[in-house]
């Protein structure tokens, strides 16, 4: 649900008009709409480069993952890891476009720790991987206003995994 929809539904559930603070939030969200679309487009268009850079970084931090017996050993397991990177990058764009973190939580965080634990994937490695993805993505964006908008969504995923 978008920030605007959430504010309207909350106000309606409480039988009130949106507060000044809520209206200011909507105003801020709408003012950054073009920037948010630009961020989403840049992340989408540079997905492969971002994932490649992030994967190099994570395997430097955790070389044991690609070593024999590691979670990303061989091309099949490695491609599954990289598929997850693309999925998390997409989740970030959903949050950026919506202007809220609910979509990230509903689509990507509920049950994520349990899933990775059942697959034998170390959570600390996934947290490190999302940090690497965040660094690669923010390098692609370059503009400070874009980075300020996108970083909280990566941080939310990291927090949800912690």
C-alpha atoms as a PDB file:
ATOM      1  CA  UNK A   1       0.000   0.000   0.000  1.00  0.00           C
ATOM      2  CA  UNK A   2       1.332   3.437  -0.825  1.00  0.00           C
ATOM      3  CA  UNK A   3       1.975   6.149   1.716  1.00  0.00           C
ATOM      4  CA  UNK A   4      -1.020   8.120   0.413  1.00  0.00           C
ATOM      5  CA  UNK A   5      -3.377   5.119   0.618  1.00  0.00           C
ATOM      6  CA  UNK A   6      -2.189   4.284   4.114  1.00  0.00           C
ATOM      7  CA  UNK A   7      -2.773   7.825   5.381  1.00  0.00           C
ATOM      8  CA  UNK A   8      -6.251   7.959   3.868  1.00  0.00           C
ATOM      9  CA  UNK A   9      -7.237   4.551   5.259  1.00  0.00           C
ATOM     10  CA  UNK A  10      -5.922   5.401   8.731  1.00  0.00           C
ATOM     11  CA  UNK A  11      -7.810   8.698   8.772  1.00  0.00           C
ATOM     12  CA  UNK A  12     -10.996   7.027   7.539  1.00  0.00           C
ATOM     13  CA  UNK A  13     -10.730   4.231  10.115  1.00  0.00           C
ATOM     14  CA  UNK A  14     -10.479   6.903  12.816  1.00  0.00           C
ATOM     15  CA  UNK A  15     -13.286   9.001  11.260  1.00  0.00           C
ATOM     16  CA  UNK A  16     -11.090  12.066  10.884  1.00  0.00           C
ATOM     17  CA  UNK A  17      -9.381  14.206   8.290  1.00  0.00           C
ATOM     18  CA  UNK A  18      -5.662  13.670   7.661  1.00  0.00           C
ATOM     19  CA  UNK A  19      -3.534  15.626  10.130  1.00  0.00           C
ATOM     20  CA  UNK A  20      -1.216  18.454   9.130  1.00  0.00           C
ATOM     21  CA  UNK A  21       1.741  16.084   9.629  1.00  0.00           C
ATOM     22  CA  UNK A  22       0.144  13.449   7.393  1.00  0.00           C
ATOM     23  CA  UNK A  23      -0.579  16.032   4.704  1.00  0.00           C
ATOM     24  CA  UNK A  24       3.032  17.210   4.913  1.00  0.00           C
ATOM     25  CA  UNK A  25       4.161  13.598   4.452  1.00  0.00           C
ATOM     26  CA  UNK A  26       1.998  13.304   1.334  1.00  0.00           C
ATOM     27  CA  UNK A  27       3.361  16.609   0.032  1.00  0.00           C
ATOM     28  CA  UNK A  28       6.947  15.471   0.579  1.00  0.00           C
ATOM     29  CA  UNK A  29       6.228  12.136  -1.106  1.00  0.00           C
ATOM     30  CA  UNK A  30       4.635  13.795  -4.135  1.00  0.00           C
ATOM     31  CA  UNK A  31       7.484  16.325  -4.459  1.00  0.00           C
ATOM     32  CA  UNK A  32       9.975  13.449  -4.703  1.00  0.00           C
ATOM     33  CA  UNK A  33       7.902  11.416  -7.165  1.00  0.00           C
ATOM     34  CA  UNK A  34      10.095  12.105 -10.184  1.00  0.00           C
ATOM     35  CA  UNK A  35      13.238  11.299  -8.182  1.00  0.00           C
ATOM     36  CA  UNK A  36      11.682   8.024  -6.944  1.00  0.00           C
ATOM     37  CA  UNK A  37      10.820   6.967 -10.476  1.00  0.00           C
ATOM     38  CA  UNK A  38      14.367   7.871 -11.561  1.00  0.00           C
ATOM     39  CA  UNK A  39      15.845   5.764  -8.752  1.00  0.00           C
ATOM     40  CA  UNK A  40      13.683   2.791  -9.687  1.00  0.00           C
ATOM     41  CA  UNK A  41      14.637   3.128 -13.346  1.00  0.00           C
ATOM     42  CA  UNK A  42      18.365   3.382 -12.591  1.00  0.00           C
ATOM     43  CA  UNK A  43      18.299   0.342 -10.309  1.00  0.00           C
ATOM     44  CA  UNK A  44      16.341  -1.648 -12.899  1.00  0.00           C
ATOM     45  CA  UNK A  45      18.562  -0.617 -15.798  1.00  0.00           C
ATOM     46  CA  UNK A  46      21.764  -1.363 -13.851  1.00  0.00           C
ATOM     47  CA  UNK A  47      20.575  -4.528 -12.104  1.00  0.00           C
ATOM     48  CA  UNK A  48      23.196  -6.828 -13.638  1.00  0.00           C
ATOM     49  CA  UNK A  49      26.097  -4.478 -12.857  1.00  0.00           C
ATOM     50  CA  UNK A  50      24.846  -3.924  -9.305  1.00  0.00           C
ATOM     51  CA  UNK A  51      24.455  -7.658  -8.701  1.00  0.00           C
ATOM     52  CA  UNK A  52      27.856  -8.424 -10.204  1.00  0.00           C
ATOM     53  CA  UNK A  53      29.589  -5.840  -8.015  1.00  0.00           C
ATOM     54  CA  UNK A  54      27.694  -6.965  -4.900  1.00  0.00           C
ATOM     55  CA  UNK A  55      28.493 -10.633  -5.540  1.00  0.00           C
ATOM     56  CA  UNK A  56      32.204  -9.907  -5.924  1.00  0.00           C
ATOM     57  CA  UNK A  57      32.124  -7.998  -2.640  1.00  0.00           C
ATOM     58  CA  UNK A  58      30.256 -10.682  -0.668  1.00  0.00           C
ATOM     59  CA  UNK A  59      32.558 -13.448  -1.874  1.00  0.00           C
ATOM     60  CA  UNK A  60      35.557 -11.370  -0.801  1.00  0.00           C
ATOM     61  CA  UNK A  61      34.027 -11.036   2.650  1.00  0.00           C
ATOM     62  CA  UNK A  62      32.975 -14.713   2.771  1.00  0.00           C
ATOM     63  CA  UNK A  63      35.196 -16.716   0.391  1.00  0.00           C
ATOM     64  CA  UNK A  64      34.091 -19.873   2.204  1.00  0.00           C
ATOM     65  CA  UNK A  65      30.692 -19.570   0.481  1.00  0.00           C
ATOM     66  CA  UNK A  66      32.200 -20.363  -2.930  1.00  0.00           C
ATOM     67  CA  UNK A  67      34.719 -22.880  -1.606  1.00  0.00           C
ATOM     68  CA  UNK A  68      33.956 -26.620  -1.868  1.00  0.00           C
ATOM     69  CA  UNK A  69      31.030 -27.364   0.427  1.00  0.00           C
ATOM     70  CA  UNK A  70      30.006 -23.684   0.640  1.00  0.00           C
ATOM     71  CA  UNK A  71      26.482 -22.356   0.185  1.00  0.00           C
ATOM     72  CA  UNK A  72      27.356 -20.789  -3.192  1.00  0.00           C
ATOM     73  CA  UNK A  73      29.659 -23.541  -4.434  1.00  0.00           C
ATOM     74  CA  UNK A  74      29.310 -24.176  -8.151  1.00  0.00           C
ATOM     75  CA  UNK A  75      27.434 -22.272 -10.798  1.00  0.00           C
ATOM     76  CA  UNK A  76      23.954 -23.578  -9.875  1.00  0.00           C
ATOM     77  CA  UNK A  77      24.109 -22.544  -6.207  1.00  0.00           C
ATOM     78  CA  UNK A  78      25.800 -19.272  -7.102  1.00  0.00           C
ATOM     79  CA  UNK A  79      23.067 -18.424  -9.612  1.00  0.00           C
ATOM     80  CA  UNK A  80      20.438 -19.025  -6.901  1.00  0.00           C
ATOM     81  CA  UNK A  81      22.246 -16.521  -4.663  1.00  0.00           C
ATOM     82  CA  UNK A  82      22.357 -13.981  -7.464  1.00  0.00           C
ATOM     83  CA  UNK A  83      18.655 -14.560  -8.171  1.00  0.00           C
ATOM     84  CA  UNK A  84      17.961 -13.556  -4.554  1.00  0.00           C
ATOM     85  CA  UNK A  85      20.039 -10.404  -5.050  1.00  0.00           C
ATOM     86  CA  UNK A  86      17.808  -9.410  -7.967  1.00  0.00           C
ATOM     87  CA  UNK A  87      14.729 -10.135  -5.902  1.00  0.00           C
ATOM     88  CA  UNK A  88      15.889  -7.912  -3.018  1.00  0.00           C
ATOM     89  CA  UNK A  89      16.862  -5.132  -5.417  1.00  0.00           C
ATOM     90  CA  UNK A  90      13.350  -5.305  -6.899  1.00  0.00           C
ATOM     91  CA  UNK A  91      11.843  -5.147  -3.395  1.00  0.00           C
ATOM     92  CA  UNK A  92      13.795  -1.967  -2.740  1.00  0.00           C
ATOM     93  CA  UNK A  93      12.368  -0.383  -5.898  1.00  0.00           C
ATOM     94  CA  UNK A  94       8.835  -1.301  -4.755  1.00  0.00           C
ATOM     95  CA  UNK A  95       9.455   0.496  -1.463  1.00  0.00           C
ATOM     96  CA  UNK A  96      10.977   3.510  -3.202  1.00  0.00           C
ATOM     97  CA  UNK A  97       7.998   3.826  -5.549  1.00  0.00           C
ATOM     98  CA  UNK A  98       5.429   3.295  -2.766  1.00  0.00           C
ATOM     99  CA  UNK A  99       7.200   5.570  -0.346  1.00  0.00           C
ATOM    100  CA  UNK A 100       6.811   3.024   2.431  1.00  0.00           C
ATOM    101  CA  UNK A 101       8.258  -0.210   3.714  1.00  0.00           C
ATOM    102  CA  UNK A 102       5.061  -2.257   4.045  1.00  0.00           C
ATOM    103  CA  UNK A 103       5.409  -3.856   0.618  1.00  0.00           C
ATOM    104  CA  UNK A 104       8.957  -4.926   1.448  1.00  0.00           C
ATOM    105  CA  UNK A 105       7.822  -6.471   4.708  1.00  0.00           C
ATOM    106  CA  UNK A 106       4.801  -8.260   3.242  1.00  0.00           C
ATOM    107  CA  UNK A 107       6.522  -9.560   0.121  1.00  0.00           C
ATOM    108  CA  UNK A 108      10.031 -10.148   1.321  1.00  0.00           C
ATOM    109  CA  UNK A 109      10.616 -10.229   5.045  1.00  0.00           C
ATOM    110  CA  UNK A 110       7.902 -12.286   6.675  1.00  0.00           C
ATOM    111  CA  UNK A 111       9.458 -15.680   7.301  1.00  0.00           C
ATOM    112  CA  UNK A 112      12.767 -14.850   5.613  1.00  0.00           C
ATOM    113  CA  UNK A 113      14.941 -15.863   8.588  1.00  0.00           C
ATOM    114  CA  UNK A 114      13.126 -19.170   8.907  1.00  0.00           C
ATOM    115  CA  UNK A 115      13.469 -19.835   5.188  1.00  0.00           C
ATOM    116  CA  UNK A 116      17.211 -19.175   5.112  1.00  0.00           C
ATOM    117  CA  UNK A 117      17.741 -21.174   8.308  1.00  0.00           C
ATOM    118  CA  UNK A 118      15.856 -24.144   6.824  1.00  0.00           C
ATOM    119  CA  UNK A 119      18.042 -23.935   3.707  1.00  0.00           C
ATOM    120  CA  UNK A 120      21.217 -23.761   5.794  1.00  0.00           C
ATOM    121  CA  UNK A 121      22.032 -20.245   4.576  1.00  0.00           C
ATOM    122  CA  UNK A 122      23.811 -18.193   7.257  1.00  0.00           C
ATOM    123  CA  UNK A 123      21.741 -15.111   8.118  1.00  0.00           C
ATOM    124  CA  UNK A 124      24.906 -13.079   8.747  1.00  0.00           C
ATOM    125  CA  UNK A 125      25.904 -13.813   5.149  1.00  0.00           C
ATOM    126  CA  UNK A 126      22.559 -12.558   3.860  1.00  0.00           C
ATOM    127  CA  UNK A 127      22.888  -9.402   5.954  1.00  0.00           C
ATOM    128  CA  UNK A 128      26.385  -8.867   4.546  1.00  0.00           C
ATOM    129  CA  UNK A 129      25.031  -9.555   1.051  1.00  0.00           C
ATOM    130  CA  UNK A 130      22.314  -6.913   1.383  1.00  0.00           C
ATOM    131  CA  UNK A 131      24.941  -4.455   2.647  1.00  0.00           C
ATOM    132  CA  UNK A 132      27.035  -5.215  -0.453  1.00  0.00           C
ATOM    133  CA  UNK A 133      23.946  -4.763  -2.630  1.00  0.00           C
ATOM    134  CA  UNK A 134      23.241  -1.434  -0.916  1.00  0.00           C
ATOM    135  CA  UNK A 135      26.792  -0.188  -1.547  1.00  0.00           C
ATOM    136  CA  UNK A 136      26.712  -1.239  -5.206  1.00  0.00           C
ATOM    137  CA  UNK A 137      23.281   0.342  -5.744  1.00  0.00           C
ATOM    138  CA  UNK A 138      24.187   3.641  -4.088  1.00  0.00           C
ATOM    139  CA  UNK A 139      27.337   3.811  -6.220  1.00  0.00           C
ATOM    140  CA  UNK A 140      25.093   3.580  -9.272  1.00  0.00           C
ATOM    141  CA  UNK A 141      22.818   6.366  -8.045  1.00  0.00           C
ATOM    142  CA  UNK A 142      25.529   8.915  -7.182  1.00  0.00           C
ATOM    143  CA  UNK A 143      23.190  11.843  -6.345  1.00  0.00           C
ATOM    144  CA  UNK A 144      22.929  12.449  -2.602  1.00  0.00           C
ATOM    145  CA  UNK A 145      19.150  13.001  -2.714  1.00  0.00           C
ATOM    146  CA  UNK A 146      18.698   9.604  -4.412  1.00  0.00           C
ATOM    147  CA  UNK A 147      20.933   7.856  -1.894  1.00  0.00           C
ATOM    148  CA  UNK A 148      19.055   9.428   1.026  1.00  0.00           C
ATOM    149  CA  UNK A 149      15.779   8.089  -0.379  1.00  0.00           C
ATOM    150  CA  UNK A 150      16.983   4.553  -1.168  1.00  0.00           C
ATOM    151  CA  UNK A 151      19.204   3.677   1.815  1.00  0.00           C
ATOM    152  CA  UNK A 152      16.393   3.275   4.382  1.00  0.00           C
ATOM    153  CA  UNK A 153      14.808   0.523   2.277  1.00  0.00           C
ATOM    154  CA  UNK A 154      18.024  -1.516   2.248  1.00  0.00           C
ATOM    155  CA  UNK A 155      18.415  -0.826   5.970  1.00  0.00           C
ATOM    156  CA  UNK A 156      14.869  -2.058   6.578  1.00  0.00           C
ATOM    157  CA  UNK A 157      15.676  -5.376   4.884  1.00  0.00           C
ATOM    158  CA  UNK A 158      18.903  -5.685   6.886  1.00  0.00           C
ATOM    159  CA  UNK A 159      17.022  -4.937  10.102  1.00  0.00           C
ATOM    160  CA  UNK A 160      14.334  -7.465   9.216  1.00  0.00           C
ATOM    161  CA  UNK A 161      16.963 -10.164   8.791  1.00  0.00           C
ATOM    162  CA  UNK A 162      18.808  -9.306  12.012  1.00  0.00           C
END
